[in-house]
Amino acid sequence: MAAMESNQPVKMTRIDSSTVAAVGYDSGDRCLYVRFTEGRGTYVYYDVPTMLFEELLAAESKGRFLNERLKGSYRYQKV
């Protein structure tokens, strides 16, 4: 189920994950948006290739994928 969030510049898609509530991707800016569960907020990861976003969507564990492939490799900040 996809839902446009008023405070996000991209469409966020809800996903089935215990740690990630929704993700969105801006291919023009190569920005990946990740909204975490339990009120931990939304983060934007910069300069993320489209292929990596597609791999995230296909990953069995979204949280593990973020920890192993994004954190520490891409600049990010809470939005």
PDB file of N, CA and C in Angstrom:
ATOM      1  N   MET A   1       0.839  -1.179   0.000  1.00  0.00           N
ATOM      2  CA  MET A   1       0.000   0.000   0.000  1.00  0.00           C
ATOM      3  C   MET A   1       0.885   1.242   0.000  1.00  0.00           C
ATOM      4  N   ALA A   2       0.676   2.144  -0.905  1.00  0.00           N
ATOM      5  CA  ALA A   2       1.465   3.370  -0.984  1.00  0.00           C
ATOM      6  C   ALA A   2       0.623   4.536  -0.482  1.00  0.00           C
ATOM      7  N   ALA A   3       1.291   5.454   0.197  1.00  0.00           N
ATOM      8  CA  ALA A   3       0.591   6.627   0.707  1.00  0.00           C
ATOM      9  C   ALA A   3       1.501   7.825   0.641  1.00  0.00           C
ATOM     10  N   MET A   4       1.004   8.938   0.103  1.00  0.00           N
ATOM     11  CA  MET A   4       1.800  10.159   0.041  1.00  0.00           C
ATOM     12  C   MET A   4       1.750  10.825   1.406  1.00  0.00           C
ATOM     13  N   GLU A   5       2.899  11.124   1.928  1.00  0.00           N
ATOM     14  CA  GLU A   5       2.989  11.751   3.239  1.00  0.00           C
ATOM     15  C   GLU A   5       3.155  13.250   3.051  1.00  0.00           C
ATOM     16  N   SER A   6       2.433  14.045   3.798  1.00  0.00           N
ATOM     17  CA  SER A   6       2.476  15.493   3.631  1.00  0.00           C
ATOM     18  C   SER A   6       3.817  16.087   4.024  1.00  0.00           C
ATOM     19  N   ASN A   7       4.560  15.435   4.924  1.00  0.00           N
ATOM     20  CA  ASN A   7       5.841  15.977   5.362  1.00  0.00           C
ATOM     21  C   ASN A   7       7.018  15.363   4.625  1.00  0.00           C
ATOM     22  N   GLN A   8       6.771  14.565   3.614  1.00  0.00           N
ATOM     23  CA  GLN A   8       7.833  13.929   2.841  1.00  0.00           C
ATOM     24  C   GLN A   8       7.717  14.372   1.386  1.00  0.00           C
ATOM     25  N   PRO A   9       8.859  14.630   0.731  1.00  0.00           N
ATOM     26  CA  PRO A   9       8.811  15.051  -0.666  1.00  0.00           C
ATOM     27  C   PRO A   9       8.621  13.892  -1.653  1.00  0.00           C
ATOM     28  N   VAL A  10       8.616  12.671  -1.182  1.00  0.00           N
ATOM     29  CA  VAL A  10       8.447  11.504  -2.057  1.00  0.00           C
ATOM     30  C   VAL A  10       7.318  10.630  -1.533  1.00  0.00           C
ATOM     31  N   LYS A  11       6.810   9.792  -2.431  1.00  0.00           N
ATOM     32  CA  LYS A  11       5.768   8.842  -2.028  1.00  0.00           C
ATOM     33  C   LYS A  11       6.420   7.751  -1.181  1.00  0.00           C
ATOM     34  N   MET A  12       5.864   7.511  -0.020  1.00  0.00           N
ATOM     35  CA  MET A  12       6.366   6.482   0.881  1.00  0.00           C
ATOM     36  C   MET A  12       5.490   5.246   0.731  1.00  0.00           C
ATOM     37  N   THR A  13       6.134   4.090   0.616  1.00  0.00           N
ATOM     38  CA  THR A  13       5.435   2.818   0.468  1.00  0.00           C
ATOM     39  C   THR A  13       5.597   2.016   1.751  1.00  0.00           C
ATOM     40  N   ARG A  14       4.478   1.640   2.345  1.00  0.00           N
ATOM     41  CA  ARG A  14       4.524   0.808   3.551  1.00  0.00           C
ATOM     42  C   ARG A  14       5.074  -0.563   3.178  1.00  0.00           C
ATOM     43  N   ILE A  15       5.929  -1.100   4.057  1.00  0.00           N
ATOM     44  CA  ILE A  15       6.487  -2.424   3.804  1.00  0.00           C
ATOM     45  C   ILE A  15       6.329  -3.289   5.036  1.00  0.00           C
ATOM     46  N   ASP A  16       6.402  -4.587   4.834  1.00  0.00           N
ATOM     47  CA  ASP A  16       6.265  -5.557   5.914  1.00  0.00           C
ATOM     48  C   ASP A  16       7.633  -5.798   6.530  1.00  0.00           C
ATOM     49  N   SER A  17       7.880  -5.168   7.673  1.00  0.00           N
ATOM     50  CA  SER A  17       9.166  -5.281   8.353  1.00  0.00           C
ATOM     51  C   SER A  17       8.957  -4.946   9.819  1.00  0.00           C
ATOM     52  N   SER A  18       9.741  -5.559  10.677  1.00  0.00           N
ATOM     53  CA  SER A  18       9.616  -5.260  12.112  1.00  0.00           C
ATOM     54  C   SER A  18      10.334  -3.971  12.489  1.00  0.00           C
ATOM     55  N   THR A  19      11.257  -3.489  11.653  1.00  0.00           N
ATOM     56  CA  THR A  19      12.008  -2.271  11.989  1.00  0.00           C
ATOM     57  C   THR A  19      11.745  -1.115  11.040  1.00  0.00           C
ATOM     58  N   VAL A  20      11.286  -1.393   9.826  1.00  0.00           N
ATOM     59  CA  VAL A  20      11.063  -0.354   8.824  1.00  0.00           C
ATOM     60  C   VAL A  20       9.574  -0.287   8.507  1.00  0.00           C
ATOM     61  N   ALA A  21       8.986   0.905   8.680  1.00  0.00           N
ATOM     62  CA  ALA A  21       7.559   1.073   8.419  1.00  0.00           C
ATOM     63  C   ALA A  21       7.277   1.385   6.951  1.00  0.00           C
ATOM     64  N   ALA A  22       8.132   2.216   6.329  1.00  0.00           N
ATOM     65  CA  ALA A  22       7.902   2.633   4.949  1.00  0.00           C
ATOM     66  C   ALA A  22       9.210   3.125   4.332  1.00  0.00           C
ATOM     67  N   VAL A  23       9.260   3.071   3.005  1.00  0.00           N
ATOM     68  CA  VAL A  23      10.420   3.580   2.275  1.00  0.00           C
ATOM     69  C   VAL A  23       9.941   4.374   1.064  1.00  0.00           C
ATOM     70  N   GLY A  24      10.788   5.278   0.604  1.00  0.00           N
ATOM     71  CA  GLY A  24      10.518   6.044  -0.607  1.00  0.00           C
ATOM     72  C   GLY A  24      11.835   6.369  -1.274  1.00  0.00           C
ATOM     73  N   TYR A  25      11.787   6.636  -2.571  1.00  0.00           N
ATOM     74  CA  TYR A  25      13.020   6.898  -3.297  1.00  0.00           C
ATOM     75  C   TYR A  25      12.796   8.006  -4.315  1.00  0.00           C
ATOM     76  N   ASP A  26      13.690   8.972  -4.329  1.00  0.00           N
ATOM     77  CA  ASP A  26      13.683  10.059  -5.306  1.00  0.00           C
ATOM     78  C   ASP A  26      14.819   9.787  -6.272  1.00  0.00           C
ATOM     79  N   SER A  27      14.494   9.279  -7.459  1.00  0.00           N
ATOM     80  CA  SER A  27      15.533   8.892  -8.411  1.00  0.00           C
ATOM     81  C   SER A  27      16.282  10.095  -8.968  1.00  0.00           C
ATOM     82  N   GLY A  28      15.640  11.246  -9.041  1.00  0.00           N
ATOM     83  CA  GLY A  28      16.303  12.445  -9.537  1.00  0.00           C
ATOM     84  C   GLY A  28      17.429  12.899  -8.618  1.00  0.00           C
ATOM     85  N   ASP A  29      17.168  12.863  -7.318  1.00  0.00           N
ATOM     86  CA  ASP A  29      18.163  13.285  -6.319  1.00  0.00           C
ATOM     87  C   ASP A  29      18.942  12.115  -5.738  1.00  0.00           C
ATOM     88  N   ARG A  30      18.528  10.885  -6.089  1.00  0.00           N
ATOM     89  CA  ARG A  30      19.153   9.659  -5.563  1.00  0.00           C
ATOM     90  C   ARG A  30      19.097   9.628  -4.031  1.00  0.00           C
ATOM     91  N   CYS A  31      17.931   9.989  -3.499  1.00  0.00           N
ATOM     92  CA  CYS A  31      17.727  10.004  -2.047  1.00  0.00           C
ATOM     93  C   CYS A  31      16.757   8.892  -1.658  1.00  0.00           C
ATOM     94  N   LEU A  32      17.153   8.131  -0.659  1.00  0.00           N
ATOM     95  CA  LEU A  32      16.327   7.058  -0.113  1.00  0.00           C
ATOM     96  C   LEU A  32      15.774   7.515   1.230  1.00  0.00           C
ATOM     97  N   TYR A  33      14.462   7.453   1.379  1.00  0.00           N
ATOM     98  CA  TYR A  33      13.801   7.830   2.625  1.00  0.00           C
ATOM     99  C   TYR A  33      13.362   6.562   3.340  1.00  0.00           C
ATOM    100  N   VAL A  34      13.661   6.479   4.618  1.00  0.00           N
ATOM    101  CA  VAL A  34      13.313   5.308   5.415  1.00  0.00           C
ATOM    102  C   VAL A  34      12.607   5.773   6.687  1.00  0.00           C
ATOM    103  N   ARG A  35      11.362   5.334   6.873  1.00  0.00           N
ATOM    104  CA  ARG A  35      10.626   5.620   8.114  1.00  0.00           C
ATOM    105  C   ARG A  35      10.677   4.355   8.957  1.00  0.00           C
ATOM    106  N   PHE A  36      11.251   4.499  10.137  1.00  0.00           N
ATOM    107  CA  PHE A  36      11.384   3.358  11.034  1.00  0.00           C
ATOM    108  C   PHE A  36      10.143   3.205  11.899  1.00  0.00           C
ATOM    109  N   THR A  37       9.952   2.015  12.428  1.00  0.00           N
ATOM    110  CA  THR A  37       8.816   1.725  13.294  1.00  0.00           C
ATOM    111  C   THR A  37       9.026   2.310  14.680  1.00  0.00           C
ATOM    112  N   GLU A  38       7.993   2.236  15.478  1.00  0.00           N
ATOM    113  CA  GLU A  38       8.023   2.614  16.890  1.00  0.00           C
ATOM    114  C   GLU A  38       8.471   4.057  17.118  1.00  0.00           C
ATOM    115  N   GLY A  39       8.101   4.948  16.187  1.00  0.00           N
ATOM    116  CA  GLY A  39       8.355   6.365  16.380  1.00  0.00           C
ATOM    117  C   GLY A  39       9.811   6.780  16.321  1.00  0.00           C
ATOM    118  N   ARG A  40      10.639   5.966  15.692  1.00  0.00           N
ATOM    119  CA  ARG A  40      12.068   6.304  15.607  1.00  0.00           C
ATOM    120  C   ARG A  40      12.366   7.304  14.510  1.00  0.00           C
ATOM    121  N   GLY A  41      11.361   7.720  13.775  1.00  0.00           N
ATOM    122  CA  GLY A  41      11.525   8.788  12.800  1.00  0.00           C
ATOM    123  C   GLY A  41      11.848   8.335  11.390  1.00  0.00           C
ATOM    124  N   THR A  42      12.031   9.343  10.540  1.00  0.00           N
ATOM    125  CA  THR A  42      12.350   9.126   9.139  1.00  0.00           C
ATOM    126  C   THR A  42      13.735   9.683   8.854  1.00  0.00           C
ATOM    127  N   TYR A  43      14.490   8.933   8.078  1.00  0.00           N
ATOM    128  CA  TYR A  43      15.846   9.327   7.703  1.00  0.00           C
ATOM    129  C   TYR A  43      15.956   9.353   6.198  1.00  0.00           C
ATOM    130  N   VAL A  44      16.815  10.249   5.702  1.00  0.00           N
ATOM    131  CA  VAL A  44      17.117  10.284   4.283  1.00  0.00           C
ATOM    132  C   VAL A  44      18.580   9.883   4.103  1.00  0.00           C
ATOM    133  N   TYR A  45      18.803   8.970   3.159  1.00  0.00           N
ATOM    134  CA  TYR A  45      20.150   8.525   2.793  1.00  0.00           C
ATOM    135  C   TYR A  45      20.456   9.135   1.429  1.00  0.00           C
ATOM    136  N   TYR A  46      21.636   9.748   1.293  1.00  0.00           N
ATOM    137  CA  TYR A  46      21.996  10.494   0.089  1.00  0.00           C
ATOM    138  C   TYR A  46      22.847   9.676  -0.879  1.00  0.00           C
ATOM    139  N   ASP A  47      22.683   9.981  -2.180  1.00  0.00           N
ATOM    140  CA  ASP A  47      23.474   9.375  -3.262  1.00  0.00           C
ATOM    141  C   ASP A  47      23.337   7.858  -3.334  1.00  0.00           C
ATOM    142  N   VAL A  48      22.131   7.373  -3.097  1.00  0.00           N
ATOM    143  CA  VAL A  48      21.867   5.931  -3.133  1.00  0.00           C
ATOM    144  C   VAL A  48      21.457   5.541  -4.561  1.00  0.00           C
ATOM    145  N   PRO A  49      22.173   4.605  -5.184  1.00  0.00           N
ATOM    146  CA  PRO A  49      21.802   4.170  -6.537  1.00  0.00           C
ATOM    147  C   PRO A  49      20.432   3.491  -6.560  1.00  0.00           C
ATOM    148  N   THR A  50      19.737   3.639  -7.672  1.00  0.00           N
ATOM    149  CA  THR A  50      18.421   3.018  -7.839  1.00  0.00           C
ATOM    150  C   THR A  50      18.493   1.517  -7.587  1.00  0.00           C
ATOM    151  N   MET A  51      19.549   0.885  -8.067  1.00  0.00           N
ATOM    152  CA  MET A  51      19.709  -0.554  -7.899  1.00  0.00           C
ATOM    153  C   MET A  51      19.682  -0.952  -6.418  1.00  0.00           C
ATOM    154  N   LEU A  52      20.281  -0.131  -5.574  1.00  0.00           N
ATOM    155  CA  LEU A  52      20.309  -0.449  -4.143  1.00  0.00           C
ATOM    156  C   LEU A  52      18.904  -0.332  -3.534  1.00  0.00           C
ATOM    157  N   PHE A  53      18.133   0.648  -3.981  1.00  0.00           N
ATOM    158  CA  PHE A  53      16.748   0.774  -3.520  1.00  0.00           C
ATOM    159  C   PHE A  53      15.952  -0.463  -3.923  1.00  0.00           C
ATOM    160  N   GLU A  54      16.125  -0.916  -5.155  1.00  0.00           N
ATOM    161  CA  GLU A  54      15.415  -2.107  -5.625  1.00  0.00           C
ATOM    162  C   GLU A  54      15.835  -3.345  -4.831  1.00  0.00           C
ATOM    163  N   GLU A  55      17.114  -3.432  -4.494  1.00  0.00           N
ATOM    164  CA  GLU A  55      17.588  -4.553  -3.683  1.00  0.00           C
ATOM    165  C   GLU A  55      16.987  -4.501  -2.279  1.00  0.00           C
ATOM    166  N   LEU A  56      16.839  -3.305  -1.736  1.00  0.00           N
ATOM    167  CA  LEU A  56      16.199  -3.154  -0.420  1.00  0.00           C
ATOM    168  C   LEU A  56      14.775  -3.688  -0.466  1.00  0.00           C
ATOM    169  N   LEU A  57      14.025  -3.301  -1.487  1.00  0.00           N
ATOM    170  CA  LEU A  57      12.637  -3.756  -1.596  1.00  0.00           C
ATOM    171  C   LEU A  57      12.551  -5.273  -1.706  1.00  0.00           C
ATOM    172  N   ALA A  58      13.533  -5.900  -2.326  1.00  0.00           N
ATOM    173  CA  ALA A  58      13.523  -7.347  -2.525  1.00  0.00           C
ATOM    174  C   ALA A  58      14.144  -8.114  -1.358  1.00  0.00           C
ATOM    175  N   ALA A  59      14.797  -7.408  -0.453  1.00  0.00           N
ATOM    176  CA  ALA A  59      15.503  -8.081   0.641  1.00  0.00           C
ATOM    177  C   ALA A  59      14.533  -8.792   1.581  1.00  0.00           C
ATOM    178  N   GLU A  60      14.941  -9.956   2.047  1.00  0.00           N
ATOM    179  CA  GLU A  60      14.124 -10.705   2.998  1.00  0.00           C
ATOM    180  C   GLU A  60      13.994  -9.928   4.309  1.00  0.00           C
ATOM    181  N   SER A  61      15.101  -9.350   4.778  1.00  0.00           N
ATOM    182  CA  SER A  61      15.096  -8.544   5.998  1.00  0.00           C
ATOM    183  C   SER A  61      15.515  -7.119   5.646  1.00  0.00           C
ATOM    184  N   LYS A  62      14.551  -6.204   5.679  1.00  0.00           N
ATOM    185  CA  LYS A  62      14.838  -4.802   5.351  1.00  0.00           C
ATOM    186  C   LYS A  62      15.801  -4.183   6.354  1.00  0.00           C
ATOM    187  N   GLY A  63      15.607  -4.456   7.639  1.00  0.00           N
ATOM    188  CA  GLY A  63      16.482  -3.908   8.671  1.00  0.00           C
ATOM    189  C   GLY A  63      17.907  -4.391   8.529  1.00  0.00           C
ATOM    190  N   ARG A  64      18.080  -5.667   8.282  1.00  0.00           N
ATOM    191  CA  ARG A  64      19.430  -6.220   8.092  1.00  0.00           C
ATOM    192  C   ARG A  64      20.083  -5.607   6.862  1.00  0.00           C
ATOM    193  N   PHE A  65      19.318  -5.466   5.791  1.00  0.00           N
ATOM    194  CA  PHE A  65      19.862  -4.870   4.563  1.00  0.00           C
ATOM    195  C   PHE A  65      20.345  -3.448   4.842  1.00  0.00           C
ATOM    196  N   LEU A  66      19.536  -2.664   5.534  1.00  0.00           N
ATOM    197  CA  LEU A  66      19.941  -1.292   5.856  1.00  0.00           C
ATOM    198  C   LEU A  66      21.231  -1.281   6.676  1.00  0.00           C
ATOM    199  N   ASN A  67      21.305  -2.134   7.669  1.00  0.00           N
ATOM    200  CA  ASN A  67      22.503  -2.182   8.518  1.00  0.00           C
ATOM    201  C   ASN A  67      23.744  -2.610   7.747  1.00  0.00           C
ATOM    202  N   GLU A  68      23.593  -3.585   6.877  1.00  0.00           N
ATOM    203  CA  GLU A  68      24.752  -4.135   6.176  1.00  0.00           C
ATOM    204  C   GLU A  68      25.154  -3.345   4.934  1.00  0.00           C
ATOM    205  N   ARG A  69      24.180  -2.747   4.236  1.00  0.00           N
ATOM    206  CA  ARG A  69      24.488  -2.141   2.938  1.00  0.00           C
ATOM    207  C   ARG A  69      24.447  -0.620   2.918  1.00  0.00           C
ATOM    208  N   LEU A  70      23.737   0.014   3.875  1.00  0.00           N
ATOM    209  CA  LEU A  70      23.589   1.471   3.825  1.00  0.00           C
ATOM    210  C   LEU A  70      24.305   2.193   4.958  1.00  0.00           C
ATOM    211  N   LYS A  71      24.052   1.781   6.189  1.00  0.00           N
ATOM    212  CA  LYS A  71      24.654   2.474   7.329  1.00  0.00           C
ATOM    213  C   LYS A  71      26.173   2.373   7.250  1.00  0.00           C
ATOM    214  N   GLY A  72      26.818   3.501   7.388  1.00  0.00           N
ATOM    215  CA  GLY A  72      28.267   3.536   7.313  1.00  0.00           C
ATOM    216  C   GLY A  72      28.801   3.700   5.901  1.00  0.00           C
ATOM    217  N   SER A  73      27.956   3.479   4.894  1.00  0.00           N
ATOM    218  CA  SER A  73      28.383   3.617   3.507  1.00  0.00           C
ATOM    219  C   SER A  73      27.808   4.865   2.841  1.00  0.00           C
ATOM    220  N   TYR A  74      26.667   5.332   3.337  1.00  0.00           N
ATOM    221  CA  TYR A  74      25.999   6.491   2.751  1.00  0.00           C
ATOM    222  C   TYR A  74      25.711   7.513   3.835  1.00  0.00           C
ATOM    223  N   ARG A  75      25.882   8.770   3.478  1.00  0.00           N
ATOM    224  CA  ARG A  75      25.569   9.857   4.401  1.00  0.00           C
ATOM    225  C   ARG A  75      24.048   9.888   4.614  1.00  0.00           C
ATOM    226  N   TYR A  76      23.636  10.141   5.833  1.00  0.00           N
ATOM    227  CA  TYR A  76      22.198  10.199   6.132  1.00  0.00           C
ATOM    228  C   TYR A  76      21.935  11.188   7.241  1.00  0.00           C
ATOM    229  N   GLN A  77      20.674  11.575   7.356  1.00  0.00           N
ATOM    230  CA  GLN A  77      20.251  12.456   8.445  1.00  0.00           C
ATOM    231  C   GLN A  77      18.776  12.252   8.715  1.00  0.00           C
ATOM    232  N   LYS A  78      18.375  12.578   9.925  1.00  0.00           N
ATOM    233  CA  LYS A  78      16.963  12.509  10.306  1.00  0.00           C
ATOM    234  C   LYS A  78      16.249  13.700   9.716  1.00  0.00           C
ATOM    235  N   VAL A  79      15.056  13.439   9.161  1.00  0.00           N
ATOM    236  CA  VAL A  79      14.269  14.529   8.568  1.00  0.00           C
ATOM    237  C   VAL A  79      12.981  14.743   9.321  1.00  0.00           C
TER     238      VAL A  79
END
